[in-house]
Amino acid sequence: MMKVSQGDERFFELAIQTVLHNNKHRLYLLTDSGESELFLRDMSREILQKARTFKTITDTAVREMEIGPRAVVREGVR
């Protein structure tokens, strides 16, 4: 489970927006009592996974910026 700390709201906000956008063609399933529970569970998992991904990307970028451009170039990333 992802620990939520102050400032993580932005990752969840972006993740929720992304998942809703990616599933806009399936949102009608929320009105189907037989499908809604599974659909919500799937979207919840996807939101958490996206939030983790966005946090990892951000943390990595911040670390690389703190190291400085010389270290990044030495590692072969331009």
N, C-alpha and C. Protein backbone atom coordinates (compact mmCIF):
# COMPACT_ATOMS: atom_id res chain seq x y z
N MET A 1 0.85 -1.18 0.00
CA MET A 1 0.00 0.00 0.00
C MET A 1 0.89 1.24 0.00
N MET A 2 0.48 2.23 -0.75
CA MET A 2 1.25 3.48 -0.85
C MET A 2 0.96 4.34 0.36
N LYS A 3 2.03 4.77 1.04
CA LYS A 3 1.85 5.70 2.15
C LYS A 3 1.54 7.06 1.57
N VAL A 4 0.50 7.68 2.09
CA VAL A 4 0.09 9.00 1.60
C VAL A 4 0.61 10.04 2.56
N SER A 5 1.41 10.95 2.05
CA SER A 5 1.92 12.03 2.87
C SER A 5 1.46 13.35 2.28
N GLN A 6 1.70 14.40 3.03
CA GLN A 6 1.29 15.72 2.57
C GLN A 6 1.98 16.00 1.24
N GLY A 7 1.21 16.46 0.28
CA GLY A 7 1.74 16.74 -1.05
C GLY A 7 1.43 15.64 -2.05
N ASP A 8 1.07 14.44 -1.57
CA ASP A 8 0.77 13.34 -2.47
C ASP A 8 -0.59 13.50 -3.16
N GLU A 9 -1.39 14.44 -2.68
CA GLU A 9 -2.72 14.64 -3.27
C GLU A 9 -2.61 14.89 -4.76
N ARG A 10 -1.56 15.60 -5.17
CA ARG A 10 -1.41 15.93 -6.59
C ARG A 10 -1.24 14.67 -7.43
N PHE A 11 -0.56 13.65 -6.88
CA PHE A 11 -0.39 12.41 -7.63
C PHE A 11 -1.73 11.69 -7.78
N PHE A 12 -2.52 11.69 -6.70
CA PHE A 12 -3.82 11.04 -6.77
C PHE A 12 -4.78 11.81 -7.66
N GLU A 13 -4.72 13.13 -7.61
CA GLU A 13 -5.57 13.94 -8.47
C GLU A 13 -5.27 13.65 -9.94
N LEU A 14 -4.00 13.63 -10.30
CA LEU A 14 -3.60 13.33 -11.67
C LEU A 14 -3.97 11.90 -12.04
N ALA A 15 -3.78 10.97 -11.12
CA ALA A 15 -4.11 9.57 -11.38
C ALA A 15 -5.61 9.39 -11.60
N ILE A 16 -6.42 10.02 -10.78
CA ILE A 16 -7.88 9.92 -10.92
C ILE A 16 -8.31 10.49 -12.26
N GLN A 17 -7.79 11.66 -12.61
CA GLN A 17 -8.14 12.27 -13.90
C GLN A 17 -7.73 11.38 -15.06
N THR A 18 -6.54 10.80 -14.97
CA THR A 18 -6.04 9.94 -16.04
C THR A 18 -6.89 8.69 -16.19
N VAL A 19 -7.21 8.04 -15.07
CA VAL A 19 -8.00 6.80 -15.13
C VAL A 19 -9.41 7.08 -15.62
N LEU A 20 -10.02 8.16 -15.15
CA LEU A 20 -11.37 8.50 -15.64
C LEU A 20 -11.34 8.78 -17.14
N HIS A 21 -10.34 9.51 -17.59
CA HIS A 21 -10.22 9.81 -19.02
C HIS A 21 -10.02 8.52 -19.82
N ASN A 22 -9.12 7.66 -19.34
CA ASN A 22 -8.84 6.41 -20.06
C ASN A 22 -10.03 5.46 -20.09
N ASN A 23 -10.95 5.60 -19.13
CA ASN A 23 -12.11 4.71 -19.05
C ASN A 23 -13.41 5.41 -19.39
N LYS A 24 -13.35 6.59 -20.01
CA LYS A 24 -14.57 7.36 -20.27
C LYS A 24 -15.59 6.57 -21.08
N HIS A 25 -15.14 5.67 -21.93
CA HIS A 25 -16.05 4.85 -22.73
C HIS A 25 -16.68 3.72 -21.92
N ARG A 26 -16.22 3.51 -20.68
CA ARG A 26 -16.76 2.43 -19.84
C ARG A 26 -17.49 2.95 -18.60
N LEU A 27 -17.58 4.26 -18.45
CA LEU A 27 -18.20 4.82 -17.24
C LEU A 27 -19.67 4.41 -17.09
N TYR A 28 -20.31 4.05 -18.18
CA TYR A 28 -21.70 3.59 -18.10
C TYR A 28 -21.82 2.35 -17.21
N LEU A 29 -20.73 1.61 -17.03
CA LEU A 29 -20.76 0.41 -16.19
C LEU A 29 -21.08 0.73 -14.74
N LEU A 30 -20.86 1.99 -14.34
CA LEU A 30 -21.17 2.38 -12.97
C LEU A 30 -22.67 2.31 -12.69
N THR A 31 -23.49 2.37 -13.72
CA THR A 31 -24.94 2.29 -13.54
C THR A 31 -25.45 0.85 -13.58
N ASP A 32 -24.60 -0.09 -13.94
CA ASP A 32 -24.97 -1.50 -14.02
C ASP A 32 -24.57 -2.17 -12.70
N SER A 33 -25.57 -2.55 -11.92
CA SER A 33 -25.27 -3.10 -10.59
C SER A 33 -24.42 -4.37 -10.65
N GLY A 34 -24.53 -5.12 -11.72
CA GLY A 34 -23.74 -6.34 -11.85
C GLY A 34 -22.28 -6.09 -12.20
N GLU A 35 -22.02 -4.98 -12.85
CA GLU A 35 -20.67 -4.67 -13.31
C GLU A 35 -19.96 -3.61 -12.48
N SER A 36 -20.73 -2.79 -11.76
CA SER A 36 -20.15 -1.61 -11.11
C SER A 36 -19.10 -1.95 -10.05
N GLU A 37 -19.34 -2.98 -9.26
CA GLU A 37 -18.39 -3.31 -8.19
C GLU A 37 -17.03 -3.70 -8.76
N LEU A 38 -17.02 -4.57 -9.75
CA LEU A 38 -15.77 -4.99 -10.38
C LEU A 38 -15.09 -3.82 -11.07
N PHE A 39 -15.87 -3.01 -11.77
CA PHE A 39 -15.32 -1.85 -12.47
C PHE A 39 -14.69 -0.86 -11.49
N LEU A 40 -15.36 -0.59 -10.38
CA LEU A 40 -14.81 0.32 -9.37
C LEU A 40 -13.53 -0.24 -8.76
N ARG A 41 -13.52 -1.53 -8.51
CA ARG A 41 -12.32 -2.17 -7.95
C ARG A 41 -11.15 -2.06 -8.92
N ASP A 42 -11.43 -2.31 -10.21
CA ASP A 42 -10.39 -2.19 -11.23
C ASP A 42 -9.88 -0.76 -11.33
N MET A 43 -10.79 0.21 -11.31
CA MET A 43 -10.37 1.61 -11.40
C MET A 43 -9.58 2.01 -10.17
N SER A 44 -9.98 1.54 -9.01
CA SER A 44 -9.25 1.86 -7.77
C SER A 44 -7.82 1.35 -7.83
N ARG A 45 -7.66 0.12 -8.30
CA ARG A 45 -6.32 -0.45 -8.45
C ARG A 45 -5.50 0.36 -9.44
N GLU A 46 -6.13 0.73 -10.55
CA GLU A 46 -5.43 1.49 -11.58
C GLU A 46 -5.05 2.89 -11.07
N ILE A 47 -5.92 3.51 -10.30
CA ILE A 47 -5.62 4.84 -9.73
C ILE A 47 -4.41 4.74 -8.81
N LEU A 48 -4.38 3.75 -7.94
CA LEU A 48 -3.26 3.58 -7.02
C LEU A 48 -1.96 3.33 -7.79
N GLN A 49 -2.02 2.47 -8.80
CA GLN A 49 -0.84 2.16 -9.61
C GLN A 49 -0.34 3.42 -10.32
N LYS A 50 -1.26 4.20 -10.90
CA LYS A 50 -0.86 5.44 -11.60
C LYS A 50 -0.26 6.43 -10.62
N ALA A 51 -0.85 6.58 -9.44
CA ALA A 51 -0.32 7.51 -8.44
C ALA A 51 1.10 7.11 -8.05
N ARG A 52 1.33 5.81 -7.86
CA ARG A 52 2.69 5.34 -7.54
C ARG A 52 3.66 5.66 -8.67
N THR A 53 3.21 5.43 -9.90
CA THR A 53 4.06 5.71 -11.06
C THR A 53 4.40 7.18 -11.15
N PHE A 54 3.39 8.05 -11.00
CA PHE A 54 3.63 9.49 -11.07
C PHE A 54 4.58 9.94 -9.95
N LYS A 55 4.42 9.37 -8.76
CA LYS A 55 5.29 9.73 -7.64
C LYS A 55 6.72 9.27 -7.91
N THR A 56 6.89 8.07 -8.43
CA THR A 56 8.22 7.55 -8.75
C THR A 56 8.90 8.41 -9.80
N ILE A 57 8.17 8.76 -10.85
CA ILE A 57 8.73 9.61 -11.91
C ILE A 57 9.16 10.95 -11.34
N THR A 58 8.31 11.55 -10.52
CA THR A 58 8.62 12.85 -9.93
C THR A 58 9.82 12.75 -9.00
N ASP A 59 9.84 11.75 -8.12
CA ASP A 59 10.96 11.58 -7.19
C ASP A 59 12.28 11.37 -7.93
N THR A 60 12.24 10.58 -9.00
CA THR A 60 13.44 10.33 -9.80
C THR A 60 13.93 11.61 -10.46
N ALA A 61 13.01 12.37 -11.03
CA ALA A 61 13.39 13.63 -11.68
C ALA A 61 13.98 14.62 -10.68
N VAL A 62 13.39 14.70 -9.51
CA VAL A 62 13.90 15.61 -8.48
C VAL A 62 15.30 15.18 -8.04
N ARG A 63 15.49 13.89 -7.83
CA ARG A 63 16.82 13.38 -7.44
C ARG A 63 17.86 13.70 -8.51
N GLU A 64 17.51 13.49 -9.77
CA GLU A 64 18.44 13.77 -10.86
C GLU A 64 18.76 15.26 -10.94
N MET A 65 17.77 16.10 -10.68
CA MET A 65 18.02 17.54 -10.70
C MET A 65 18.92 17.95 -9.55
N GLU A 66 18.77 17.30 -8.40
CA GLU A 66 19.61 17.60 -7.24
C GLU A 66 21.05 17.15 -7.45
N ILE A 67 21.23 16.04 -8.15
CA ILE A 67 22.57 15.54 -8.45
C ILE A 67 23.29 16.51 -9.37
N GLY A 68 22.56 17.05 -10.30
CA GLY A 68 23.14 17.99 -11.25
C GLY A 68 23.28 17.39 -12.63
N PRO A 69 23.38 18.23 -13.63
CA PRO A 69 23.42 17.74 -15.01
C PRO A 69 24.67 16.93 -15.35
N ARG A 70 25.79 17.19 -14.70
CA ARG A 70 27.02 16.45 -15.01
C ARG A 70 26.88 14.97 -14.70
N ALA A 71 26.27 14.65 -13.56
CA ALA A 71 26.10 13.25 -13.17
C ALA A 71 25.17 12.53 -14.13
N VAL A 72 24.15 13.22 -14.59
CA VAL A 72 23.20 12.61 -15.51
C VAL A 72 23.87 12.32 -16.84
N VAL A 73 24.70 13.24 -17.33
CA VAL A 73 25.40 13.05 -18.60
C VAL A 73 26.39 11.89 -18.48
N ARG A 74 27.08 11.78 -17.34
CA ARG A 74 28.02 10.67 -17.13
C ARG A 74 27.33 9.32 -17.20
N GLU A 75 26.08 9.28 -16.78
CA GLU A 75 25.35 8.01 -16.80
C GLU A 75 24.82 7.70 -18.20
N GLY A 76 25.02 8.59 -19.13
CA GLY A 76 24.59 8.34 -20.50
C GLY A 76 23.23 8.90 -20.83
N VAL A 77 22.64 9.66 -19.95
CA VAL A 77 21.33 10.26 -20.21
C VAL A 77 21.56 11.70 -20.61
N ARG A 78 20.96 12.10 -21.68
CA ARG A 78 21.12 13.49 -22.13
C ARG A 78 19.81 14.21 -22.12
